[in-house]
Amino acid sequence: MCSSDLNIGDRELSEVRIIDNLTPRLEYVADTASSSRAAVLDISDNGEGSVILTWSLKEPLKGKTKGVVAFKAKVR
């Protein structure tokens, strides 16, 4: 699975977080998460039988820039 962070505006964005709340039908495959930007990944239980993946970017996202976060998941 893949998702992109995109700042279409001209201003820099600070404290950017990308959040993916997996449905109970998906199981995150451990150690497969990646980010094209420096980020900290937090994995927490979502109370629904799966997890929430939260990437917190370490640096502001400048205007008109983008990046990609990715991970693998198995269908249960």
PDB file of N, CA and C in Angstrom:
ATOM      1  N   MET A   1       0.846  -1.157   0.000  1.00  0.00           N
ATOM      2  CA  MET A   1       0.000   0.000   0.000  1.00  0.00           C
ATOM      3  C   MET A   1       0.896   1.224   0.000  1.00  0.00           C
ATOM      4  N   CYS A   2       0.416   2.257  -0.592  1.00  0.00           N
ATOM      5  CA  CYS A   2       1.228   3.442  -0.751  1.00  0.00           C
ATOM      6  C   CYS A   2       0.334   4.662  -0.657  1.00  0.00           C
ATOM      7  N   SER A   3       0.850   5.725  -0.092  1.00  0.00           N
ATOM      8  CA  SER A   3       0.120   6.968  -0.044  1.00  0.00           C
ATOM      9  C   SER A   3       1.136   8.094  -0.135  1.00  0.00           C
ATOM     10  N   SER A   4       0.688   9.243  -0.605  1.00  0.00           N
ATOM     11  CA  SER A   4       1.649  10.326  -0.745  1.00  0.00           C
ATOM     12  C   SER A   4       1.229  11.527   0.081  1.00  0.00           C
ATOM     13  N   ASP A   5       2.233  12.226   0.592  1.00  0.00           N
ATOM     14  CA  ASP A   5       1.984  13.495   1.253  1.00  0.00           C
ATOM     15  C   ASP A   5       2.306  14.569   0.224  1.00  0.00           C
ATOM     16  N   LEU A   6       1.415  15.530   0.086  1.00  0.00           N
ATOM     17  CA  LEU A   6       1.552  16.530  -0.957  1.00  0.00           C
ATOM     18  C   LEU A   6       1.128  17.876  -0.415  1.00  0.00           C
ATOM     19  N   ASN A   7       1.970  18.860  -0.597  1.00  0.00           N
ATOM     20  CA  ASN A   7       1.644  20.231  -0.227  1.00  0.00           C
ATOM     21  C   ASN A   7       1.455  21.009  -1.520  1.00  0.00           C
ATOM     22  N   ILE A   8       0.215  21.196  -1.926  1.00  0.00           N
ATOM     23  CA  ILE A   8      -0.058  21.888  -3.190  1.00  0.00           C
ATOM     24  C   ILE A   8       0.017  23.403  -3.046  1.00  0.00           C
ATOM     25  N   GLY A   9       0.067  23.886  -1.799  1.00  0.00           N
ATOM     26  CA  GLY A   9       0.123  25.326  -1.566  1.00  0.00           C
ATOM     27  C   GLY A   9       1.541  25.860  -1.652  1.00  0.00           C
ATOM     28  N   ASP A  10       1.654  27.164  -1.450  1.00  0.00           N
ATOM     29  CA  ASP A  10       2.950  27.833  -1.509  1.00  0.00           C
ATOM     30  C   ASP A  10       3.647  27.892  -0.155  1.00  0.00           C
ATOM     31  N   ARG A  11       2.898  27.721   0.928  1.00  0.00           N
ATOM     32  CA  ARG A  11       3.462  27.850   2.271  1.00  0.00           C
ATOM     33  C   ARG A  11       3.973  26.525   2.810  1.00  0.00           C
ATOM     34  N   GLU A  12       4.981  26.623   3.635  1.00  0.00           N
ATOM     35  CA  GLU A  12       5.558  25.472   4.300  1.00  0.00           C
ATOM     36  C   GLU A  12       4.583  24.962   5.373  1.00  0.00           C
ATOM     37  N   LEU A  13       4.467  23.633   5.479  1.00  0.00           N
ATOM     38  CA  LEU A  13       3.615  23.023   6.500  1.00  0.00           C
ATOM     39  C   LEU A  13       4.497  22.414   7.582  1.00  0.00           C
ATOM     40  N   SER A  14       4.159  22.672   8.834  1.00  0.00           N
ATOM     41  CA  SER A  14       4.916  22.136   9.965  1.00  0.00           C
ATOM     42  C   SER A  14       4.101  21.063  10.669  1.00  0.00           C
ATOM     43  N   GLU A  15       4.795  20.200  11.384  1.00  0.00           N
ATOM     44  CA  GLU A  15       4.178  19.150  12.198  1.00  0.00           C
ATOM     45  C   GLU A  15       3.216  18.286  11.374  1.00  0.00           C
ATOM     46  N   VAL A  16       3.672  17.848  10.206  1.00  0.00           N
ATOM     47  CA  VAL A  16       2.850  17.035   9.301  1.00  0.00           C
ATOM     48  C   VAL A  16       2.820  15.596   9.797  1.00  0.00           C
ATOM     49  N   ARG A  17       1.600  15.028   9.828  1.00  0.00           N
ATOM     50  CA  ARG A  17       1.416  13.623  10.171  1.00  0.00           C
ATOM     51  C   ARG A  17       0.584  12.958   9.091  1.00  0.00           C
ATOM     52  N   ILE A  18       0.978  11.762   8.706  1.00  0.00           N
ATOM     53  CA  ILE A  18       0.226  10.948   7.749  1.00  0.00           C
ATOM     54  C   ILE A  18      -0.304   9.765   8.552  1.00  0.00           C
ATOM     55  N   ILE A  19      -1.614   9.572   8.546  1.00  0.00           N
ATOM     56  CA  ILE A  19      -2.239   8.548   9.376  1.00  0.00           C
ATOM     57  C   ILE A  19      -3.019   7.583   8.503  1.00  0.00           C
ATOM     58  N   ASP A  20      -2.790   6.287   8.711  1.00  0.00           N
ATOM     59  CA  ASP A  20      -3.536   5.244   8.002  1.00  0.00           C
ATOM     60  C   ASP A  20      -4.095   4.281   9.040  1.00  0.00           C
ATOM     61  N   ASN A  21      -5.411   4.273   9.172  1.00  0.00           N
ATOM     62  CA  ASN A  21      -6.110   3.402  10.121  1.00  0.00           C
ATOM     63  C   ASN A  21      -6.579   2.170   9.352  1.00  0.00           C
ATOM     64  N   LEU A  22      -5.904   1.037   9.557  1.00  0.00           N
ATOM     65  CA  LEU A  22      -6.217  -0.170   8.801  1.00  0.00           C
ATOM     66  C   LEU A  22      -7.514  -0.811   9.277  1.00  0.00           C
ATOM     67  N   THR A  23      -8.281  -1.314   8.344  1.00  0.00           N
ATOM     68  CA  THR A  23      -9.506  -2.026   8.687  1.00  0.00           C
ATOM     69  C   THR A  23      -9.143  -3.381   9.290  1.00  0.00           C
ATOM     70  N   PRO A  24     -10.069  -4.016  10.014  1.00  0.00           N
ATOM     71  CA  PRO A  24      -9.788  -5.327  10.593  1.00  0.00           C
ATOM     72  C   PRO A  24      -9.455  -6.398   9.546  1.00  0.00           C
ATOM     73  N   ARG A  25      -9.822  -6.181   8.298  1.00  0.00           N
ATOM     74  CA  ARG A  25      -9.509  -7.142   7.231  1.00  0.00           C
ATOM     75  C   ARG A  25      -8.061  -7.098   6.802  1.00  0.00           C
ATOM     76  N   LEU A  26      -7.316  -6.050   7.232  1.00  0.00           N
ATOM     77  CA  LEU A  26      -5.914  -5.916   6.838  1.00  0.00           C
ATOM     78  C   LEU A  26      -4.998  -6.102   8.032  1.00  0.00           C
ATOM     79  N   GLU A  27      -3.929  -6.847   7.811  1.00  0.00           N
ATOM     80  CA  GLU A  27      -2.911  -7.061   8.832  1.00  0.00           C
ATOM     81  C   GLU A  27      -1.599  -6.460   8.341  1.00  0.00           C
ATOM     82  N   TYR A  28      -1.083  -5.488   9.080  1.00  0.00           N
ATOM     83  CA  TYR A  28       0.189  -4.856   8.730  1.00  0.00           C
ATOM     84  C   TYR A  28       1.308  -5.893   8.777  1.00  0.00           C
ATOM     85  N   VAL A  29       2.163  -5.906   7.759  1.00  0.00           N
ATOM     86  CA  VAL A  29       3.324  -6.802   7.715  1.00  0.00           C
ATOM     87  C   VAL A  29       4.484  -6.062   8.399  1.00  0.00           C
ATOM     88  N   ALA A  30       4.934  -6.611   9.508  1.00  0.00           N
ATOM     89  CA  ALA A  30       5.960  -5.962  10.331  1.00  0.00           C
ATOM     90  C   ALA A  30       7.201  -5.580   9.531  1.00  0.00           C
ATOM     91  N   ASP A  31       7.745  -4.426   9.860  1.00  0.00           N
ATOM     92  CA  ASP A  31       9.009  -3.924   9.305  1.00  0.00           C
ATOM     93  C   ASP A  31       8.962  -3.647   7.799  1.00  0.00           C
ATOM     94  N   THR A  32       7.788  -3.347   7.252  1.00  0.00           N
ATOM     95  CA  THR A  32       7.701  -3.032   5.822  1.00  0.00           C
ATOM     96  C   THR A  32       7.423  -1.553   5.554  1.00  0.00           C
ATOM     97  N   ALA A  33       7.212  -0.765   6.593  1.00  0.00           N
ATOM     98  CA  ALA A  33       6.895   0.652   6.404  1.00  0.00           C
ATOM     99  C   ALA A  33       8.130   1.432   5.978  1.00  0.00           C
ATOM    100  N   SER A  34       7.910   2.390   5.079  1.00  0.00           N
ATOM    101  CA  SER A  34       8.998   3.261   4.636  1.00  0.00           C
ATOM    102  C   SER A  34       8.437   4.642   4.314  1.00  0.00           C
ATOM    103  N   SER A  35       9.326   5.611   4.262  1.00  0.00           N
ATOM    104  CA  SER A  35       8.949   6.986   3.937  1.00  0.00           C
ATOM    105  C   SER A  35      10.063   7.611   3.107  1.00  0.00           C
ATOM    106  N   SER A  36       9.680   8.364   2.094  1.00  0.00           N
ATOM    107  CA  SER A  36      10.684   9.042   1.270  1.00  0.00           C
ATOM    108  C   SER A  36      11.235  10.287   1.965  1.00  0.00           C
ATOM    109  N   ARG A  37      10.633  10.666   3.069  1.00  0.00           N
ATOM    110  CA  ARG A  37      11.087  11.810   3.867  1.00  0.00           C
ATOM    111  C   ARG A  37      11.435  11.317   5.263  1.00  0.00           C
ATOM    112  N   ALA A  38      12.307  12.035   5.931  1.00  0.00           N
ATOM    113  CA  ALA A  38      12.655  11.671   7.306  1.00  0.00           C
ATOM    114  C   ALA A  38      11.397  11.738   8.169  1.00  0.00           C
ATOM    115  N   ALA A  39      11.073  10.617   8.811  1.00  0.00           N
ATOM    116  CA  ALA A  39       9.843  10.558   9.603  1.00  0.00           C
ATOM    117  C   ALA A  39       9.978   9.526  10.709  1.00  0.00           C
ATOM    118  N   VAL A  40       9.178   9.701  11.741  1.00  0.00           N
ATOM    119  CA  VAL A  40       9.082   8.740  12.830  1.00  0.00           C
ATOM    120  C   VAL A  40       7.762   8.000  12.644  1.00  0.00           C
ATOM    121  N   LEU A  41       7.803   6.671  12.716  1.00  0.00           N
ATOM    122  CA  LEU A  41       6.600   5.864  12.566  1.00  0.00           C
ATOM    123  C   LEU A  41       6.142   5.365  13.927  1.00  0.00           C
ATOM    124  N   ASP A  42       4.859   5.561  14.216  1.00  0.00           N
ATOM    125  CA  ASP A  42       4.238   5.031  15.423  1.00  0.00           C
ATOM    126  C   ASP A  42       3.167   4.040  14.992  1.00  0.00           C
ATOM    127  N   ILE A  43       3.168   2.859  15.592  1.00  0.00           N
ATOM    128  CA  ILE A  43       2.171   1.838  15.289  1.00  0.00           C
ATOM    129  C   ILE A  43       1.383   1.578  16.566  1.00  0.00           C
ATOM    130  N   SER A  44       0.067   1.765  16.498  1.00  0.00           N
ATOM    131  CA  SER A  44      -0.764   1.559  17.689  1.00  0.00           C
ATOM    132  C   SER A  44      -2.000   0.738  17.342  1.00  0.00           C
ATOM    133  N   ASP A  45      -2.524   0.050  18.342  1.00  0.00           N
ATOM    134  CA  ASP A  45      -3.731  -0.760  18.202  1.00  0.00           C
ATOM    135  C   ASP A  45      -4.912   0.179  17.951  1.00  0.00           C
ATOM    136  N   ASN A  46      -5.764  -0.166  16.999  1.00  0.00           N
ATOM    137  CA  ASN A  46      -6.913   0.702  16.730  1.00  0.00           C
ATOM    138  C   ASN A  46      -8.192   0.232  17.420  1.00  0.00           C
ATOM    139  N   GLY A  47      -8.104  -0.832  18.219  1.00  0.00           N
ATOM    140  CA  GLY A  47      -9.271  -1.305  18.950  1.00  0.00           C
ATOM    141  C   GLY A  47     -10.288  -2.031  18.088  1.00  0.00           C
ATOM    142  N   GLU A  48      -9.964  -2.211  16.814  1.00  0.00           N
ATOM    143  CA  GLU A  48     -10.871  -2.862  15.868  1.00  0.00           C
ATOM    144  C   GLU A  48     -10.255  -4.133  15.291  1.00  0.00           C
ATOM    145  N   GLY A  49      -9.149  -4.578  15.875  1.00  0.00           N
ATOM    146  CA  GLY A  49      -8.498  -5.787  15.394  1.00  0.00           C
ATOM    147  C   GLY A  49      -7.366  -5.539  14.417  1.00  0.00           C
ATOM    148  N   SER A  50      -6.947  -4.294  14.276  1.00  0.00           N
ATOM    149  CA  SER A  50      -5.827  -3.974  13.398  1.00  0.00           C
ATOM    150  C   SER A  50      -5.025  -2.840  14.020  1.00  0.00           C
ATOM    151  N   VAL A  51      -4.341  -2.039  13.209  1.00  0.00           N
ATOM    152  CA  VAL A  51      -3.469  -0.994  13.738  1.00  0.00           C
ATOM    153  C   VAL A  51      -3.669   0.345  13.027  1.00  0.00           C
ATOM    154  N   ILE A  52      -3.132   1.366  13.672  1.00  0.00           N
ATOM    155  CA  ILE A  52      -3.044   2.707  13.083  1.00  0.00           C
ATOM    156  C   ILE A  52      -1.566   2.982  12.861  1.00  0.00           C
ATOM    157  N   LEU A  53      -1.204   3.334  11.632  1.00  0.00           N
ATOM    158  CA  LEU A  53       0.165   3.715  11.291  1.00  0.00           C
ATOM    159  C   LEU A  53       0.212   5.239  11.205  1.00  0.00           C
ATOM    160  N   THR A  54       1.099   5.863  11.975  1.00  0.00           N
ATOM    161  CA  THR A  54       1.210   7.322  11.974  1.00  0.00           C
ATOM    162  C   THR A  54       2.655   7.714  11.721  1.00  0.00           C
ATOM    163  N   TRP A  55       2.896   8.362  10.590  1.00  0.00           N
ATOM    164  CA  TRP A  55       4.203   8.914  10.277  1.00  0.00           C
ATOM    165  C   TRP A  55       4.193  10.386  10.668  1.00  0.00           C
ATOM    166  N   SER A  56       5.171  10.819  11.452  1.00  0.00           N
ATOM    167  CA  SER A  56       5.337  12.230  11.811  1.00  0.00           C
ATOM    168  C   SER A  56       6.607  12.719  11.130  1.00  0.00           C
ATOM    169  N   LEU A  57       6.444  13.651  10.198  1.00  0.00           N
ATOM    170  CA  LEU A  57       7.616  14.156   9.476  1.00  0.00           C
ATOM    171  C   LEU A  57       8.524  14.928  10.419  1.00  0.00           C
ATOM    172  N   LYS A  58       9.824  14.717  10.282  1.00  0.00           N
ATOM    173  CA  LYS A  58      10.809  15.364  11.143  1.00  0.00           C
ATOM    174  C   LYS A  58      11.090  16.803  10.732  1.00  0.00           C
ATOM    175  N   GLU A  59      10.800  17.123   9.473  1.00  0.00           N
ATOM    176  CA  GLU A  59      11.065  18.466   8.959  1.00  0.00           C
ATOM    177  C   GLU A  59       9.808  19.007   8.296  1.00  0.00           C
ATOM    178  N   PRO A  60       9.659  20.326   8.232  1.00  0.00           N
ATOM    179  CA  PRO A  60       8.501  20.907   7.548  1.00  0.00           C
ATOM    180  C   PRO A  60       8.451  20.479   6.079  1.00  0.00           C
ATOM    181  N   LEU A  61       7.245  20.461   5.529  1.00  0.00           N
ATOM    182  CA  LEU A  61       7.036  20.120   4.125  1.00  0.00           C
ATOM    183  C   LEU A  61       6.872  21.425   3.352  1.00  0.00           C
ATOM    184  N   LYS A  62       7.863  21.738   2.538  1.00  0.00           N
ATOM    185  CA  LYS A  62       7.849  22.994   1.784  1.00  0.00           C
ATOM    186  C   LYS A  62       6.705  23.011   0.774  1.00  0.00           C
ATOM    187  N   GLY A  63       6.311  24.198   0.368  1.00  0.00           N
ATOM    188  CA  GLY A  63       5.253  24.350  -0.619  1.00  0.00           C
ATOM    189  C   GLY A  63       5.631  23.695  -1.944  1.00  0.00           C
ATOM    190  N   LYS A  64       4.616  23.146  -2.610  1.00  0.00           N
ATOM    191  CA  LYS A  64       4.789  22.518  -3.936  1.00  0.00           C
ATOM    192  C   LYS A  64       5.724  21.312  -3.902  1.00  0.00           C
ATOM    193  N   THR A  65       5.776  20.588  -2.767  1.00  0.00           N
ATOM    194  CA  THR A  65       6.600  19.392  -2.671  1.00  0.00           C
ATOM    195  C   THR A  65       5.748  18.200  -2.256  1.00  0.00           C
ATOM    196  N   LYS A  66       6.330  17.018  -2.416  1.00  0.00           N
ATOM    197  CA  LYS A  66       5.599  15.803  -2.050  1.00  0.00           C
ATOM    198  C   LYS A  66       6.552  14.741  -1.564  1.00  0.00           C
ATOM    199  N   GLY A  67       5.980  13.652  -1.089  1.00  0.00           N
ATOM    200  CA  GLY A  67       6.739  12.506  -0.628  1.00  0.00           C
ATOM    201  C   GLY A  67       5.835  11.288  -0.656  1.00  0.00           C
ATOM    202  N   VAL A  68       6.381  10.140  -0.286  1.00  0.00           N
ATOM    203  CA  VAL A  68       5.617   8.893  -0.342  1.00  0.00           C
ATOM    204  C   VAL A  68       5.883   8.081   0.922  1.00  0.00           C
ATOM    205  N   VAL A  69       4.810   7.526   1.498  1.00  0.00           N
ATOM    206  CA  VAL A  69       4.937   6.518   2.549  1.00  0.00           C
ATOM    207  C   VAL A  69       4.359   5.233   1.998  1.00  0.00           C
ATOM    208  N   ALA A  70       4.936   4.104   2.416  1.00  0.00           N
ATOM    209  CA  ALA A  70       4.475   2.823   1.886  1.00  0.00           C
ATOM    210  C   ALA A  70       4.602   1.746   2.956  1.00  0.00           C
ATOM    211  N   PHE A  71       3.810   0.688   2.814  1.00  0.00           N
ATOM    212  CA  PHE A  71       3.894  -0.462   3.707  1.00  0.00           C
ATOM    213  C   PHE A  71       3.159  -1.627   3.045  1.00  0.00           C
ATOM    214  N   LYS A  72       3.389  -2.820   3.577  1.00  0.00           N
ATOM    215  CA  LYS A  72       2.689  -4.006   3.089  1.00  0.00           C
ATOM    216  C   LYS A  72       1.664  -4.432   4.135  1.00  0.00           C
ATOM    217  N   ALA A  73       0.553  -4.971   3.618  1.00  0.00           N
ATOM    218  CA  ALA A  73      -0.496  -5.520   4.477  1.00  0.00           C
ATOM    219  C   ALA A  73      -1.039  -6.781   3.841  1.00  0.00           C
ATOM    220  N   LYS A  74      -1.463  -7.715   4.693  1.00  0.00           N
ATOM    221  CA  LYS A  74      -2.072  -8.960   4.214  1.00  0.00           C
ATOM    222  C   LYS A  74      -3.574  -8.898   4.451  1.00  0.00           C
ATOM    223  N   VAL A  75      -4.332  -9.410   3.484  1.00  0.00           N
ATOM    224  CA  VAL A  75      -5.778  -9.528   3.663  1.00  0.00           C
ATOM    225  C   VAL A  75      -6.009 -10.762   4.511  1.00  0.00           C
ATOM    226  N   ARG A  76      -6.843 -10.617   5.528  1.00  0.00           N
ATOM    227  CA  ARG A  76      -7.123 -11.753   6.430  1.00  0.00           C
ATOM    228  C   ARG A  76      -8.231 -12.608   5.902  1.00  0.00           C
TER     229      ARG A  76
END
